[in-house]
C-alpha atoms as a PDB file:
ATOM      1  CA  MET A   1      -1.489  18.071  13.545  1.00  0.00           C
ATOM      2  CA  ASN A   2       0.745  15.262  12.357  1.00  0.00           C
ATOM      3  CA  THR A   3       4.398  15.464  13.288  1.00  0.00           C
ATOM      4  CA  TRP A   4       7.424  14.332  11.362  1.00  0.00           C
ATOM      5  CA  LYS A   5       7.696  11.408  13.775  1.00  0.00           C
ATOM      6  CA  SER A   6       4.281  10.110  12.718  1.00  0.00           C
ATOM      7  CA  LEU A   7       5.267  10.409   9.085  1.00  0.00           C
ATOM      8  CA  VAL A   8       8.613   8.681   9.606  1.00  0.00           C
ATOM      9  CA  GLU A   9       6.919   5.885  11.568  1.00  0.00           C
ATOM     10  CA  ALA A  10       4.436   5.361   8.728  1.00  0.00           C
ATOM     11  CA  ILE A  11       7.230   5.284   6.128  1.00  0.00           C
ATOM     12  CA  MET A  12       9.163   2.817   8.259  1.00  0.00           C
ATOM     13  CA  GLU A  13       6.085   0.613   8.601  1.00  0.00           C
ATOM     14  CA  GLU A  14       5.691   0.552   4.821  1.00  0.00           C
ATOM     15  CA  ASP A  15       9.386  -0.311   4.558  1.00  0.00           C
ATOM     16  CA  ARG A  16       8.975  -3.102   7.121  1.00  0.00           C
ATOM     17  CA  LEU A  17       6.093  -4.608   5.136  1.00  0.00           C
ATOM     18  CA  ILE A  18       8.075  -4.444   1.894  1.00  0.00           C
ATOM     19  CA  ARG A  19      11.157  -6.052   3.431  1.00  0.00           C
ATOM     20  CA  GLU A  20       9.121  -8.729   5.166  1.00  0.00           C
ATOM     21  CA  ARG A  21       7.521  -9.641   1.861  1.00  0.00           C
ATOM     22  CA  LEU A  22      10.882  -9.543   0.110  1.00  0.00           C
ATOM     23  CA  ASN A  23      12.295 -12.071   2.570  1.00  0.00           C
ATOM     24  CA  ALA A  24       9.417 -14.433   1.753  1.00  0.00           C
ATOM     25  CA  CYS A  25       9.477 -13.809  -2.004  1.00  0.00           C
ATOM     26  CA  PRO A  26      11.011 -16.525  -4.192  1.00  0.00           C
ATOM     27  CA  LYS A  27      14.025 -15.154  -6.032  1.00  0.00           C
ATOM     28  CA  ASP A  28      12.743 -16.395  -9.381  1.00  0.00           C
ATOM     29  CA  ILE A  29       9.766 -13.992  -9.379  1.00  0.00           C
ATOM     30  CA  ARG A  30      11.469 -10.849  -8.018  1.00  0.00           C
ATOM     31  CA  GLU A  31      12.034  -9.524 -11.526  1.00  0.00           C
ATOM     32  CA  LYS A  32       8.755 -10.652 -13.101  1.00  0.00           C
ATOM     33  CA  ARG A  33       5.998  -8.178 -13.848  1.00  0.00           C
ATOM     34  CA  GLY A  34       2.430  -8.905 -12.864  1.00  0.00           C
ATOM     35  CA  SER A  35       0.011 -10.238 -15.486  1.00  0.00           C
ATOM     36  CA  GLY A  36      -1.557  -6.780 -15.715  1.00  0.00           C
ATOM     37  CA  GLY A  37       1.823  -5.136 -16.316  1.00  0.00           C
ATOM     38  CA  GLU A  38       2.374  -4.241 -12.653  1.00  0.00           C
ATOM     39  CA  LEU A  39       5.961  -3.406 -11.815  1.00  0.00           C
ATOM     40  CA  SER A  40       8.159  -6.272 -10.638  1.00  0.00           C
ATOM     41  CA  PHE A  41       9.613  -6.282  -7.130  1.00  0.00           C
ATOM     42  CA  LYS A  42      12.900  -4.990  -8.531  1.00  0.00           C
ATOM     43  CA  GLU A  43      11.177  -2.258 -10.525  1.00  0.00           C
ATOM     44  CA  THR A  44       9.030  -1.253  -7.556  1.00  0.00           C
ATOM     45  CA  LEU A  45      12.050  -0.858  -5.296  1.00  0.00           C
ATOM     46  CA  SER A  46      13.851   1.092  -8.017  1.00  0.00           C
ATOM     47  CA  HIS A  47      10.850   3.332  -8.619  1.00  0.00           C
ATOM     48  CA  ILE A  48      10.360   4.100  -4.921  1.00  0.00           C
ATOM     49  CA  ALA A  49      14.089   4.792  -4.516  1.00  0.00           C
ATOM     50  CA  PHE A  50      14.069   7.179  -7.472  1.00  0.00           C
ATOM     51  CA  TRP A  51      11.114   9.162  -6.170  1.00  0.00           C
ATOM     52  CA  ASP A  52      12.321   9.242  -2.564  1.00  0.00           C
ATOM     53  CA  ASN A  53      15.720  10.503  -3.724  1.00  0.00           C
ATOM     54  CA  PHE A  54      14.073  13.038  -6.000  1.00  0.00           C
ATOM     55  CA  THR A  55      11.893  14.272  -3.118  1.00  0.00           C
ATOM     56  CA  VAL A  56      14.873  14.752  -0.829  1.00  0.00           C
ATOM     57  CA  GLU A  57      16.851  16.507  -3.554  1.00  0.00           C
ATOM     58  CA  PHE A  58      13.936  18.755  -4.478  1.00  0.00           C
ATOM     59  CA  PHE A  59      13.244  19.883  -0.919  1.00  0.00           C
ATOM     60  CA  ALA A  60      16.936  20.207  -0.066  1.00  0.00           C
ATOM     61  CA  HIS A  61      17.228  22.705  -2.941  1.00  0.00           C
ATOM     62  CA  LYS A  62      14.207  24.596  -1.657  1.00  0.00           C
ATOM     63  CA  LEU A  63      15.799  24.917   1.790  1.00  0.00           C
ATOM     64  CA  ASP A  64      19.218  25.907   0.439  1.00  0.00           C
ATOM     65  CA  GLU A  65      19.367  29.696   0.537  1.00  0.00           C
ATOM     66  CA  LYS A  66      22.297  29.649  -1.888  1.00  0.00           C
ATOM     67  CA  CYS A  67      20.379  27.734  -4.538  1.00  0.00           C
ATOM     68  CA  LEU A  68      19.445  29.996  -7.447  1.00  0.00           C
ATOM     69  CA  ASP A  69      16.716  27.753  -8.828  1.00  0.00           C
ATOM     70  CA  PRO A  70      14.955  25.945  -5.973  1.00  0.00           C
ATOM     71  CA  ASN A  71      12.090  24.772  -8.204  1.00  0.00           C
ATOM     72  CA  PRO A  72      13.621  23.386 -11.401  1.00  0.00           C
ATOM     73  CA  MET A  73      11.203  22.537 -14.169  1.00  0.00           C
ATOM     74  CA  VAL A  74      11.556  18.831 -14.776  1.00  0.00           C
ATOM     75  CA  ASP A  75       9.738  16.211 -16.798  1.00  0.00           C
ATOM     76  CA  PHE A  76       9.141  13.907 -13.837  1.00  0.00           C
ATOM     77  CA  GLU A  77       7.672  11.074 -15.858  1.00  0.00           C
ATOM     78  CA  ALA A  78      10.547  11.011 -18.353  1.00  0.00           C
ATOM     79  CA  ARG A  79      13.099  10.946 -15.526  1.00  0.00           C
ATOM     80  CA  SER A  80      11.204   8.135 -13.826  1.00  0.00           C
ATOM     81  CA  ILE A  81      11.113   6.050 -17.008  1.00  0.00           C
ATOM     82  CA  LEU A  82      14.827   6.640 -17.602  1.00  0.00           C
ATOM     83  CA  ALA A  83      15.594   5.590 -14.018  1.00  0.00           C
ATOM     84  CA  LEU A  84      13.659   2.322 -14.521  1.00  0.00           C
ATOM     85  CA  GLU A  85      15.506   1.638 -17.781  1.00  0.00           C
ATOM     86  CA  ARG A  86      18.872   2.151 -16.095  1.00  0.00           C
ATOM     87  CA  ALA A  87      17.874   0.040 -13.097  1.00  0.00           C
ATOM     88  CA  ALA A  88      16.912  -2.865 -15.371  1.00  0.00           C
ATOM     89  CA  ARG A  89      20.613  -3.390 -16.111  1.00  0.00           C
ATOM     90  CA  LEU A  90      21.577  -3.598 -12.433  1.00  0.00           C
ATOM     91  CA  PRO A  91      21.477  -6.678 -10.214  1.00  0.00           C
ATOM     92  CA  PHE A  92      18.639  -7.005  -7.713  1.00  0.00           C
ATOM     93  CA  GLY A  93      21.011  -6.527  -4.765  1.00  0.00           C
ATOM     94  CA  GLU A  94      22.139  -3.143  -6.089  1.00  0.00           C
ATOM     95  CA  ILE A  95      18.536  -2.007  -6.471  1.00  0.00           C
ATOM     96  CA  LEU A  96      17.740  -3.175  -2.945  1.00  0.00           C
ATOM     97  CA  ALA A  97      20.734  -1.237  -1.602  1.00  0.00           C
ATOM     98  CA  ARG A  98      19.596   1.903  -3.429  1.00  0.00           C
ATOM     99  CA  TYR A  99      16.077   1.486  -2.070  1.00  0.00           C
ATOM    100  CA  LEU A 100      17.370   1.113   1.507  1.00  0.00           C
ATOM    101  CA  GLU A 101      19.621   4.137   1.067  1.00  0.00           C
ATOM    102  CA  ALA A 102      16.790   6.251  -0.333  1.00  0.00           C
ATOM    103  CA  THR A 103      14.453   5.252   2.499  1.00  0.00           C
ATOM    104  CA  GLY A 104      17.111   6.253   5.008  1.00  0.00           C
ATOM    105  CA  ALA A 105      17.759   9.544   3.212  1.00  0.00           C
ATOM    106  CA  LEU A 106      14.062  10.417   3.224  1.00  0.00           C
ATOM    107  CA  THR A 107      13.517   9.667   6.898  1.00  0.00           C
ATOM    108  CA  GLN A 108      16.752  11.409   7.865  1.00  0.00           C
ATOM    109  CA  PHE A 109      15.820  14.488   5.839  1.00  0.00           C
ATOM    110  CA  LEU A 110      12.461  14.670   7.593  1.00  0.00           C
ATOM    111  CA  SER A 111      13.970  14.374  11.046  1.00  0.00           C
ATOM    112  CA  LYS A 112      16.591  17.050  10.362  1.00  0.00           C
ATOM    113  CA  ASN A 113      14.579  19.519   8.285  1.00  0.00           C
ATOM    114  CA  TRP A 114      10.938  19.305   9.378  1.00  0.00           C
ATOM    115  CA  GLU A 115      11.069  22.587  11.294  1.00  0.00           C
ATOM    116  CA  GLY A 116      12.399  24.433   8.243  1.00  0.00           C
ATOM    117  CA  LEU A 117       9.493  23.355   6.051  1.00  0.00           C
ATOM    118  CA  THR A 118       6.278  25.299   5.584  1.00  0.00           C
ATOM    119  CA  PRO A 119       2.867  23.851   6.561  1.00  0.00           C
ATOM    120  CA  ARG A 120       2.212  23.253   2.840  1.00  0.00           C
ATOM    121  CA  GLU A 121       5.484  21.343   2.535  1.00  0.00           C
ATOM    122  CA  HIS A 122       4.597  19.322   5.635  1.00  0.00           C
ATOM    123  CA  HIS A 123       1.437  18.306   3.809  1.00  0.00           C
ATOM    124  CA  ASP A 124       3.356  17.572   0.601  1.00  0.00           C
ATOM    125  CA  PHE A 125       5.610  15.115   2.417  1.00  0.00           C
ATOM    126  CA  TRP A 126       2.680  12.774   2.927  1.00  0.00           C
ATOM    127  CA  VAL A 127       2.666  12.186  -0.847  1.00  0.00           C
ATOM    128  CA  PRO A 128       5.789   9.948  -0.813  1.00  0.00           C
ATOM    129  CA  LEU A 129       4.126   7.822   1.865  1.00  0.00           C
ATOM    130  CA  LYS A 130       0.946   7.462  -0.211  1.00  0.00           C
ATOM    131  CA  HIS A 131       3.053   6.745  -3.297  1.00  0.00           C
ATOM    132  CA  ARG A 132       5.009   4.059  -1.471  1.00  0.00           C
ATOM    133  CA  ARG A 133       1.799   2.496  -0.112  1.00  0.00           C
ATOM    134  CA  HIS A 134       0.166   2.503  -3.554  1.00  0.00           C
ATOM    135  CA  HIS A 135       3.092   0.645  -5.127  1.00  0.00           C
ATOM    136  CA  ARG A 136       3.393  -1.804  -2.222  1.00  0.00           C
ATOM    137  CA  ILE A 137      -0.269  -2.766  -2.520  1.00  0.00           C
ATOM    138  CA  SER A 138      -0.030  -3.141  -6.305  1.00  0.00           C
ATOM    139  CA  LEU A 139       3.140  -5.220  -5.963  1.00  0.00           C
ATOM    140  CA  PHE A 140       1.670  -7.486  -3.297  1.00  0.00           C
ATOM    141  CA  ARG A 141      -1.420  -8.166  -5.420  1.00  0.00           C
ATOM    142  CA  ALA A 142       0.780  -9.107  -8.382  1.00  0.00           C
ATOM    143  CA  LEU A 143       2.969 -11.319  -6.183  1.00  0.00           C
ATOM    144  CA  ASP A 144      -0.070 -13.053  -4.724  1.00  0.00           C
ATOM    145  CA  GLU A 145      -1.246 -13.802  -8.251  1.00  0.00           C
ATOM    146  CA  MET A 146       2.165 -15.203  -9.245  1.00  0.00           C
ATOM    147  CA  ASN A 147       2.699 -17.163  -6.042  1.00  0.00           C
ATOM    148  CA  PRO A 148      -0.659 -18.124  -4.479  1.00  0.00           C
ATOM    149  CA  VAL A 149       1.007 -20.251  -1.791  1.00  0.00           C
ATOM    150  CA  GLN A 150       2.642 -17.097  -0.408  1.00  0.00           C
ATOM    151  CA  GLU A 151      -0.798 -15.497  -0.169  1.00  0.00           C
ATOM    152  CA  MET A 152      -2.033 -18.353   2.037  1.00  0.00           C
ATOM    153  CA  VAL A 153       1.055 -18.162   4.234  1.00  0.00           C
ATOM    154  CA  ALA A 154       0.701 -14.380   4.580  1.00  0.00           C
ATOM    155  CA  GLY A 155      -2.947 -14.785   5.556  1.00  0.00           C
ATOM    156  CA  ALA A 156      -2.321 -17.560   8.086  1.00  0.00           C
END
């Protein structure tokens, strides 16, 4: 059985890969979408931050015995689109800070609350990791297309 430590380590590895790539990414392409419409670096960080924050909020409500509605009905996609629209008006540094904060909130929540979650919820927490990985891979492909020199350096 996977423990919360394994999950946190995997999330932190995804974060490490994203930050490593960010450090090597030219500033002029951080806000450009891929040719296939893939999210830009800024949008990807914003999107991951939104969903990580939403996950923490959702499960925190489920664990709160005082909460009257632990499973609110929400149009997830509409909220995600709205979050991207709002993030578009913010500077890249603000989005990066929100991403870092959300990553920390997710890993901290797991370390503090794992024992209070059901086996089903343990399983559900692997979804944010898969989501993060999916967007990282899509982003990296788009960046490699925009900046082929980076691809050669990354493969060296």
